[in-house]
Protein backbone atom coordinates (compact mmCIF):
# COMPACT_ATOMS: atom_id res chain seq x y z
CA MET A 1 -10.41 23.84 25.59
CA THR A 2 -7.71 21.48 24.22
CA GLU A 3 -8.98 18.68 22.12
CA THR A 4 -7.24 15.27 22.00
CA ILE A 5 -6.90 13.61 18.65
CA VAL A 6 -5.56 10.16 18.68
CA ILE A 7 -4.09 8.83 15.55
CA ILE A 8 -3.84 4.93 15.44
CA GLY A 9 -0.88 4.06 12.94
CA GLY A 10 2.52 5.55 12.29
CA GLY A 11 3.11 4.85 8.73
CA ALA A 12 2.83 7.58 6.00
CA SER A 13 -1.00 7.95 6.56
CA GLY A 14 -0.62 8.69 10.20
CA VAL A 15 2.35 10.99 10.12
CA LEU A 16 0.98 13.04 7.23
CA THR A 17 -2.29 13.43 9.20
CA ALA A 18 -0.41 14.48 12.28
CA TRP A 19 1.83 16.94 10.29
CA GLN A 20 -1.41 18.48 8.75
CA ILE A 21 -3.27 18.77 11.96
CA SER A 22 -0.16 20.54 13.42
CA HIS A 23 -0.69 23.21 10.71
CA HIS A 24 -4.37 23.72 10.84
CA MET A 25 -5.24 22.98 14.68
CA LYS A 26 -2.60 24.87 16.61
CA THR A 27 -4.25 24.08 19.99
CA ALA A 28 -5.14 20.37 19.45
CA ARG A 29 -3.25 17.71 21.33
CA VAL A 30 -2.30 14.98 18.89
CA VAL A 31 -1.18 11.50 20.01
CA LEU A 32 0.00 9.06 17.54
CA VAL A 33 -0.14 5.24 18.85
CA ASP A 34 2.30 2.87 16.91
CA CYS A 35 4.43 0.02 18.00
CA ALA A 36 7.63 1.40 16.08
CA GLU A 37 10.32 3.09 17.72
CA ALA A 38 10.06 6.16 15.49
CA PRO A 39 6.85 6.89 13.63
CA GLY A 40 7.17 7.68 9.76
CA ARG A 41 8.68 4.65 8.12
CA GLY A 42 5.88 2.16 8.54
CA LEU A 43 5.87 -1.10 6.53
CA ALA A 44 6.47 0.67 3.14
CA TYR A 45 9.73 2.37 4.18
CA GLY A 46 10.74 0.70 7.31
CA ALA A 47 11.17 -2.89 5.82
CA ALA A 48 12.74 -1.61 2.72
CA ASP A 49 16.26 -1.83 1.74
CA THR A 50 18.41 1.01 -0.03
CA CYS A 51 17.89 -1.12 -3.39
CA HIS A 52 14.28 -0.30 -3.17
CA LEU A 53 13.33 2.77 -5.00
CA LEU A 54 10.09 4.98 -4.88
CA ASN A 55 7.94 4.23 -7.69
CA VAL A 56 7.37 7.99 -8.04
CA PRO A 57 9.90 10.75 -8.91
CA ALA A 58 10.78 12.99 -5.86
CA GLU A 59 8.90 15.84 -7.39
CA GLY A 60 5.70 13.89 -6.80
CA MET A 61 6.22 12.86 -3.18
CA SER A 62 5.76 16.26 -1.41
CA ALA A 63 3.92 15.88 1.92
CA SER A 64 2.19 19.18 1.03
CA PRO A 65 -0.47 19.58 -1.79
CA GLU A 66 0.36 23.30 -1.88
CA ASP A 67 4.11 22.87 -1.85
CA PRO A 68 5.11 20.39 -4.61
CA GLN A 69 8.83 21.22 -3.89
CA HIS A 70 8.68 20.46 -0.14
CA PHE A 71 10.34 16.91 -0.42
CA THR A 72 13.01 18.03 -2.95
CA ASN A 73 13.83 21.20 -0.91
CA TRP A 74 14.31 18.69 2.07
CA LEU A 75 16.57 16.49 0.08
CA GLN A 76 18.84 19.60 -0.85
CA ARG A 77 19.52 20.04 2.89
CA ILE A 78 21.00 16.63 3.26
CA PRO A 79 24.97 17.07 2.97
CA GLY A 80 26.46 15.40 -0.28
CA GLN A 81 22.98 14.60 -1.45
CA THR A 82 22.81 14.57 -5.27
CA LEU A 83 19.20 13.67 -5.71
CA CYS A 84 16.93 15.90 -7.59
CA ALA A 85 13.45 16.31 -8.41
CA GLY A 86 13.35 13.65 -11.12
CA SER A 87 15.29 11.05 -9.10
CA PHE A 88 13.66 7.96 -7.88
CA VAL A 89 14.74 8.13 -4.34
CA PRO A 90 15.62 5.11 -2.13
CA ARG A 91 12.57 4.37 0.12
CA PRO A 92 14.53 4.58 3.29
CA ILE A 93 15.38 8.20 2.59
CA PHE A 94 11.75 8.94 2.24
CA GLY A 95 11.09 7.30 5.64
CA ALA A 96 13.57 9.51 7.19
CA TYR A 97 11.65 12.46 5.52
CA LEU A 98 8.36 11.27 7.02
CA GLN A 99 10.22 10.90 10.41
CA SER A 100 11.24 14.59 10.17
CA LEU A 101 7.68 15.54 9.43
CA PHE A 102 6.52 13.72 12.65
CA VAL A 103 9.13 15.50 14.73
CA GLU A 104 8.03 18.71 13.26
CA SER A 105 4.42 18.27 13.99
CA GLY A 106 5.10 17.97 17.83
CA ALA A 107 2.67 14.98 18.14
CA GLY A 108 3.20 12.73 21.05
CA HIS A 109 3.96 9.06 20.59
CA VAL A 110 2.72 6.27 22.58
CA ARG A 111 4.83 3.06 21.51
CA ASP A 112 2.33 0.27 21.86
CA VAL A 113 -0.24 -1.78 19.97
CA VAL A 114 -3.85 -0.76 20.14
CA LEU A 115 -6.14 -3.72 21.14
CA GLY A 116 -9.33 -1.68 21.06
CA CYS A 117 -11.13 1.57 20.61
CA LYS A 118 -14.40 1.81 22.60
CA ALA A 119 -17.06 4.55 22.22
CA THR A 120 -17.69 6.65 25.26
CA ALA A 121 -20.08 9.53 26.04
CA GLU A 122 -17.18 12.09 25.30
CA GLY A 123 -15.35 10.36 22.44
CA TYR A 124 -13.22 7.17 22.56
CA CYS A 125 -11.18 5.25 24.88
CA VAL A 126 -8.10 3.57 23.08
CA GLU A 127 -6.96 0.51 24.91
CA LEU A 128 -3.32 -0.59 24.65
CA ALA A 129 -1.57 -4.01 24.87
CA GLY A 130 0.66 -2.73 27.55
CA GLY A 131 -2.36 -2.14 29.86
CA GLY A 132 -2.63 1.49 29.44
CA LYS A 133 -5.42 3.68 27.99
CA VAL A 134 -5.58 6.89 26.13
CA VAL A 135 -8.88 8.90 26.19
CA ALA A 136 -9.61 10.56 22.90
CA ASP A 137 -12.04 13.35 21.82
CA ARG A 138 -11.71 12.09 18.07
CA VAL A 139 -9.72 9.14 16.51
CA VAL A 140 -8.16 8.81 13.19
CA LEU A 141 -7.64 5.29 11.89
CA ALA A 142 -4.55 5.13 9.84
CA THR A 143 -3.42 1.44 10.16
CA GLY A 144 -2.09 1.12 6.73
CA HIS A 145 -1.56 -2.24 4.94
CA HIS A 146 -2.08 -5.65 6.37
CA ARG A 147 -0.37 -8.96 5.64
CA PRO A 148 -1.58 -10.94 2.33
CA ALA A 149 -4.66 -12.82 2.36
CA PRO A 150 -4.29 -16.59 3.24
CA LEU A 151 -3.51 -18.93 0.27
CA PRO A 152 -5.34 -22.30 -0.10
CA LYS A 153 -3.68 -25.58 1.08
CA VAL A 154 -0.49 -24.33 2.43
CA ASP A 155 1.26 -27.29 4.36
CA PRO A 156 2.11 -26.10 7.94
CA ALA A 157 5.52 -28.04 7.39
CA VAL A 158 6.56 -25.89 4.46
CA ILE A 159 6.00 -22.72 6.85
CA GLY A 160 7.77 -24.36 9.82
CA GLN A 161 10.93 -25.29 7.52
CA GLY A 162 11.09 -21.66 6.27
CA LEU A 163 10.37 -22.94 2.74
CA TYR A 164 7.23 -20.73 2.28
CA GLN A 165 7.12 -17.31 3.53
CA HIS A 166 3.64 -15.86 3.67
CA ASP A 167 4.64 -12.23 4.57
CA VAL A 168 8.02 -11.37 2.92
CA TRP A 169 8.25 -7.84 4.59
CA TYR A 170 8.34 -9.52 7.95
CA THR A 171 10.42 -12.51 7.41
CA PRO A 172 13.99 -12.84 5.96
CA THR A 173 14.30 -14.20 2.36
CA GLY A 174 16.81 -16.49 0.76
CA ARG A 175 17.37 -18.83 3.82
CA ARG A 176 15.50 -21.61 5.65
CA SER A 177 14.37 -21.01 9.14
CA ASP A 178 17.10 -22.85 10.65
CA GLY A 179 19.39 -20.55 8.83
CA ALA A 180 20.57 -23.31 6.29
CA ALA A 181 21.17 -22.41 2.83
CA LEU A 182 18.57 -23.22 0.14
CA ARG A 183 18.98 -25.69 -2.68
CA ASP A 184 20.76 -24.24 -5.34
CA ASP A 185 19.56 -26.31 -8.24
CA LEU A 186 15.97 -25.25 -7.69
CA PRO A 187 14.52 -21.76 -8.29
CA ILE A 188 12.85 -19.42 -5.77
CA LEU A 189 9.08 -19.10 -6.63
CA LEU A 190 7.36 -15.76 -6.36
CA ILE A 191 3.69 -15.90 -5.96
CA GLY A 192 2.61 -12.83 -7.81
CA SER A 193 4.37 -10.66 -10.60
CA GLY A 194 3.69 -7.10 -9.27
CA LEU A 195 5.64 -4.61 -7.37
CA THR A 196 6.08 -6.71 -4.49
CA ALA A 197 7.68 -9.42 -6.66
CA VAL A 198 10.03 -7.02 -8.16
CA ASP A 199 10.99 -5.81 -4.58
CA MET A 200 11.78 -9.42 -3.54
CA VAL A 201 14.07 -9.89 -6.67
CA LEU A 202 16.02 -6.87 -5.82
CA ARG A 203 16.25 -8.01 -2.03
CA LEU A 204 17.51 -11.45 -2.93
CA ARG A 205 19.98 -10.24 -5.22
CA ALA A 206 21.19 -7.67 -2.58
CA LYS A 207 21.53 -10.51 -0.17
CA GLY A 208 23.76 -12.45 -2.57
CA TYR A 209 21.20 -14.91 -3.87
CA ALA A 210 22.41 -15.73 -7.59
CA GLY A 211 20.12 -18.50 -8.42
CA ARG A 212 17.11 -18.47 -10.77
CA ILE A 213 13.91 -16.71 -9.78
CA VAL A 214 10.55 -17.50 -11.10
CA ALA A 215 7.29 -15.46 -10.70
CA CYS A 216 3.79 -17.09 -11.09
CA SER A 217 0.82 -15.23 -11.50
CA ARG A 218 -2.53 -15.45 -13.30
CA HIS A 219 -1.93 -12.70 -15.72
CA ALA A 220 2.07 -13.09 -15.99
CA ILE A 221 2.62 -9.31 -16.59
CA ALA A 222 5.66 -7.62 -15.54
CA PRO A 223 5.41 -4.06 -14.23
CA VAL A 224 6.37 -1.22 -16.87
CA THR A 225 8.82 1.60 -16.53
CA HIS A 226 8.39 5.25 -16.01
CA ALA A 227 9.28 7.46 -19.08
CA ALA A 228 9.26 10.99 -19.89
CA THR A 229 5.98 12.05 -21.27
CA PRO A 230 4.00 15.42 -21.63
CA VAL A 231 1.77 16.58 -18.94
CA LEU A 232 -1.92 16.88 -20.22
CA ALA A 233 -3.82 20.02 -19.85
CA HIS A 234 -7.12 17.95 -19.33
CA PRO A 235 -7.84 14.41 -18.24
CA ALA A 236 -8.01 11.88 -20.96
CA VAL A 237 -11.55 10.75 -19.67
CA SER A 238 -13.93 13.52 -19.00
CA MET A 239 -16.34 13.63 -16.03
CA GLU A 240 -19.07 14.08 -18.51
CA THR A 241 -18.30 10.59 -20.10
CA HIS A 242 -21.19 8.10 -19.41
CA ALA A 243 -20.67 6.28 -16.04
CA THR A 244 -19.89 2.80 -17.25
CA ALA A 245 -16.66 0.82 -17.25
CA LEU A 246 -16.75 0.25 -20.89
CA ALA A 247 -17.49 3.85 -21.61
CA TYR A 248 -14.32 4.99 -19.44
CA PHE A 249 -12.40 2.44 -21.27
CA ARG A 250 -13.45 3.51 -24.71
CA ALA A 251 -12.91 7.26 -23.86
CA PHE A 252 -9.25 6.45 -22.80
CA ARG A 253 -8.68 4.38 -25.88
CA ALA A 254 -10.03 7.12 -28.24
CA ALA A 255 -7.48 9.64 -26.54
CA CYS A 256 -4.56 7.22 -27.02
CA ARG A 257 -5.60 6.86 -30.80
CA ASP A 258 -5.76 10.56 -30.96
CA GLY A 259 -2.08 10.73 -30.02
CA VAL A 260 -2.17 10.95 -26.37
CA PRO A 261 0.77 8.95 -24.75
CA TRP A 262 -0.68 6.29 -22.50
CA ARG A 263 1.33 7.16 -19.57
CA SER A 264 0.29 10.80 -19.95
CA GLY A 265 -3.30 9.65 -20.06
CA ILE A 266 -2.89 7.62 -17.06
CA ASP A 267 -1.15 10.22 -15.12
CA SER A 268 -3.96 12.77 -16.12
CA LEU A 269 -6.52 10.71 -14.44
CA ARG A 270 -4.92 10.89 -10.83
CA GLY A 271 -6.81 13.95 -9.89
CA ILE A 272 -10.25 12.65 -10.82
CA SER A 273 -9.99 8.94 -10.58
CA ASN A 274 -11.85 8.79 -7.18
CA HIS A 275 -14.64 10.95 -8.73
CA LEU A 276 -15.02 8.67 -11.86
CA TRP A 277 -15.12 5.70 -9.45
CA CYS A 278 -17.65 7.08 -7.30
CA ARG A 279 -20.04 7.85 -10.10
CA LEU A 280 -20.05 4.16 -11.21
CA PRO A 281 -23.13 2.06 -10.12
CA TYR A 282 -22.29 -1.08 -8.00
CA LEU A 283 -22.56 -3.40 -10.97
CA GLU A 284 -20.13 -1.29 -13.09
CA LYS A 285 -17.69 -1.20 -10.35
CA GLN A 286 -17.79 -5.08 -10.30
CA ARG A 287 -17.22 -5.15 -14.18
CA PHE A 288 -14.28 -2.74 -13.94
CA ARG A 289 -12.60 -4.81 -11.09
CA ARG A 290 -13.30 -8.20 -13.29
CA HIS A 291 -12.11 -6.78 -16.68
CA LEU A 292 -9.98 -3.71 -16.34
CA GLN A 293 -8.46 -3.54 -12.89
CA ARG A 294 -5.41 -5.61 -13.74
CA ARG A 295 -4.63 -3.44 -16.75
CA TRP A 296 -4.92 -0.26 -14.92
CA ASP A 297 -2.74 -1.65 -12.01
CA VAL A 298 0.18 -2.30 -14.45
CA ALA A 299 -0.25 0.99 -16.25
CA ARG A 300 -0.60 2.98 -13.14
CA HIS A 301 2.05 1.42 -10.76
CA ARG A 302 5.08 1.65 -12.74
CA VAL A 303 8.75 1.30 -11.72
CA ALA A 304 11.67 3.46 -11.93
CA PRO A 305 13.78 3.26 -15.15
CA GLU A 306 16.80 1.95 -13.01
CA ILE A 307 14.62 -0.85 -11.72
CA ALA A 308 13.31 -1.81 -15.10
CA ALA A 309 16.76 -2.08 -16.65
CA LEU A 310 17.73 -4.62 -13.94
CA LEU A 311 14.65 -6.51 -14.59
CA GLN A 312 15.29 -6.67 -18.35
CA ALA A 313 18.85 -7.75 -17.60
CA GLU A 314 17.51 -10.55 -15.53
CA PHE A 315 15.16 -11.62 -18.34
CA ARG A 316 17.91 -11.50 -20.81
CA SER A 317 20.10 -13.72 -18.76
CA GLY A 318 17.36 -16.11 -17.97
CA THR A 319 17.79 -15.75 -14.16
CA PHE A 320 14.31 -14.37 -13.83
CA GLU A 321 11.10 -15.36 -15.64
CA ILE A 322 7.30 -15.00 -15.34
CA MET A 323 4.86 -17.75 -16.07
CA HIS A 324 1.27 -18.05 -16.22
CA GLY A 325 -0.51 -20.06 -13.30
CA ARG A 326 -2.75 -19.94 -10.38
CA ILE A 327 -1.46 -21.53 -7.12
CA ALA A 328 -3.63 -24.53 -5.71
CA GLY A 329 -1.33 -25.54 -2.88
CA VAL A 330 2.15 -25.59 -1.39
CA GLU A 331 3.64 -28.83 0.17
CA ALA A 332 6.96 -29.70 1.83
CA CYS A 333 8.94 -32.18 0.10
CA ASP A 334 12.26 -33.11 1.98
CA ASP A 335 14.44 -30.09 1.70
CA HIS A 336 12.35 -27.96 -0.60
CA ALA A 337 8.76 -27.13 -1.58
CA GLN A 338 6.57 -28.34 -4.31
CA VAL A 339 3.87 -25.98 -5.65
CA LEU A 340 0.55 -27.15 -7.20
CA ILE A 341 -0.42 -25.03 -10.08
CA ALA A 342 -3.92 -25.60 -11.45
CA GLY A 343 -3.82 -26.98 -15.17
CA ARG A 344 -0.29 -28.41 -14.59
CA ASP A 345 0.27 -32.11 -14.45
CA ALA A 346 3.32 -32.13 -12.19
CA PRO A 347 4.01 -29.99 -9.25
CA PHE A 348 6.58 -27.12 -9.55
CA GLN A 349 9.67 -27.77 -7.50
CA ALA A 350 11.10 -24.69 -5.68
CA ALA A 351 13.82 -24.07 -3.31
CA GLN A 352 11.64 -21.52 -1.46
CA VAL A 353 8.20 -19.93 -2.17
CA LEU A 354 7.50 -16.35 -1.30
CA ASN A 355 4.11 -14.67 -1.16
CA CYS A 356 4.07 -11.54 -3.04
CA THR A 357 0.25 -11.14 -3.66
CA GLY A 358 0.15 -7.86 -1.72
CA PRO A 359 -1.83 -6.69 1.32
CA ASP A 360 -5.15 -8.24 2.25
CA LEU A 361 -7.91 -5.51 1.80
CA LYS A 362 -10.61 -7.63 3.49
CA TYR A 363 -10.43 -6.29 6.94
CA GLN A 364 -12.84 -8.76 8.78
CA ARG A 365 -10.22 -11.47 8.34
CA VAL A 366 -6.78 -9.85 8.89
CA GLY A 367 -6.69 -10.83 12.55
CA SER A 368 -6.55 -7.29 14.06
CA SER A 369 -8.09 -6.96 17.49
CA LEU A 370 -8.81 -3.32 16.94
CA LEU A 371 -10.64 -3.92 13.64
CA ASP A 372 -12.34 -7.00 15.07
CA GLY A 373 -13.77 -5.01 17.91
CA LEU A 374 -14.80 -1.96 15.78
CA PHE A 375 -16.64 -4.47 13.50
CA ASP A 376 -18.44 -6.49 16.38
CA ALA A 377 -19.45 -2.99 17.99
CA GLY A 378 -21.00 -1.78 14.64
CA LEU A 379 -18.71 1.22 14.67
CA ILE A 380 -17.30 0.21 11.19
CA VAL A 381 -18.53 -1.87 8.37
CA SER A 382 -16.58 -3.16 5.12
CA GLY A 383 -16.80 -1.21 1.94
CA PHE A 384 -17.20 -2.21 -1.62
CA GLU A 385 -17.02 -5.98 -2.03
CA SER A 386 -15.74 -6.55 1.53
CA ALA A 387 -12.71 -4.29 1.19
CA GLY A 388 -11.45 -1.69 3.51
CA ILE A 389 -14.10 0.18 5.52
CA ALA A 390 -17.03 2.60 4.43
CA THR A 391 -16.33 6.24 4.81
CA ASP A 392 -17.85 9.38 3.41
CA ALA A 393 -16.39 12.05 1.48
CA ASP A 394 -14.45 13.54 4.47
CA GLY A 395 -13.12 10.24 5.61
CA ALA A 396 -15.70 9.91 8.27
CA VAL A 397 -16.43 6.34 9.39
CA ILE A 398 -19.85 4.96 8.45
CA ALA A 399 -21.23 2.72 11.28
CA ALA A 400 -23.45 -0.62 10.66
CA ASP A 401 -26.53 1.47 11.30
CA GLY A 402 -25.60 3.85 8.52
CA HIS A 403 -24.75 6.73 11.11
CA VAL A 404 -21.91 8.83 10.01
CA SER A 405 -19.57 9.45 12.69
CA GLU A 406 -18.45 12.86 13.79
CA ARG A 407 -15.49 11.55 15.86
CA LEU A 408 -14.06 8.54 14.08
CA PHE A 409 -12.25 8.98 10.67
CA ALA A 410 -10.00 6.94 8.43
CA VAL A 411 -7.04 7.95 6.20
CA GLY A 412 -5.13 5.89 3.65
CA PRO A 413 -5.59 2.26 2.41
CA MET A 414 -8.60 1.84 4.80
CA ARG A 415 -10.63 4.06 2.58
CA LEU A 416 -10.17 1.61 -0.30
CA GLY A 417 -13.63 0.41 0.90
CA THR A 418 -15.07 3.71 -0.71
CA LEU A 419 -12.31 5.27 -3.05
CA PHE A 420 -10.44 3.89 -6.00
CA GLU A 421 -7.22 5.41 -5.36
CA SER A 422 -6.16 5.57 -1.57
CA VAL A 423 -2.49 4.04 -1.14
CA ALA A 424 -0.07 6.43 -2.56
CA VAL A 425 1.37 9.67 -1.15
CA PRO A 426 -0.28 12.11 -3.80
CA GLU A 427 -3.81 10.92 -2.64
CA ILE A 428 -3.00 10.47 1.18
CA ARG A 429 -1.58 13.99 1.50
CA VAL A 430 -4.75 15.37 0.28
CA GLN A 431 -6.75 13.23 2.54
CA ALA A 432 -4.71 14.30 5.37
CA ARG A 433 -5.04 17.93 4.71
CA ASP A 434 -8.75 17.90 4.01
CA LEU A 435 -9.31 15.88 7.19
CA ALA A 436 -7.32 18.41 9.19
CA LEU A 437 -9.41 21.20 7.82
CA HIS A 438 -12.52 19.27 8.52
CA LEU A 439 -11.59 18.66 12.02
CA ALA A 440 -10.52 22.33 12.47
CA ALA A 441 -13.94 23.53 11.34
CA TYR A 442 -15.78 22.05 14.15
């Protein structure tokens, strides 16, 4: 009997899952539901420009855990392509790769928005905004990232005039909402100094904005660059290390003192970081989030050397800078915005403010009809510190009553309620393969 598996979400998580199921469940009928015209690009690759590069070399972006050259071999089939295994590929090209995987999977595509997913005696009924329904034996939630969390005290007027953009990937940057040019005597202010802020610097320059750009964040740390470093034979932190945040930090620091390059040490942990995380007691996880998370993020999420060189040139010329600060409010002031920064006597005057704080991981407030319905029905619950959703080791969703579902699963960023790493292709491709094998075993 043919089983119908519905995947909700058409970004990398959904497409990699569809592709893996096609390899391990030959008789399954897979239907992917997503509002995009063609699945594969999602937010990460569909909204990016050619100036935006992957943060991992091509050799690390294969869709297959068993075939590390899968992506680089695909690149070689593109006429005139000079990219190689060590290249940091433009994100739209990787989006095209994902699109090709979806076509190869043979999965069906329903172009619509999912409003709800209700349990039935046989499985689930997926309700669509267009009025239709898809009946599924099992459902995989792969909705990816959501818009940034709301900031305090943002004046509606500053939003209406286009002087504040809450979600920079869905709205154009560098212009007012009426199309008028921004004031050229004031800088554009980026809230946050991480990878999204770097992306916006690149986008603004690509669109011809030549003015000053200032990033404001609580840590005021710029992303660091990739560099050629040796691959370690063993992780820098052993699984035998005592399960506390401090013990992990001390073990890593000791490895670096013994000559391990810090980049090599960080990369060596990719295969066990989720296991290390799951060993930590609740209070130790809180300590890590409070004291070490930002250090990890900067060391782990590095930018391509080409991008780092552009940023350094901006720093040297004074056209881009990073300052300490916590945003306390954003107000409209005639033809510009003024930003209230805690501890500063005077507001910061900006031609425009772009929210670069990254996606909201607290799903109970993201405004998703699908997720709200699943929460209300008790079919899903939030994970650690209200982030993501709770799942077991196979990605099966844990309900409010503690029941582990045999029919509802999650892949990708949604699993950050349980896992430490769950947003990058190296982790998601393993999740997708393991889930396909798990489903096939039934």
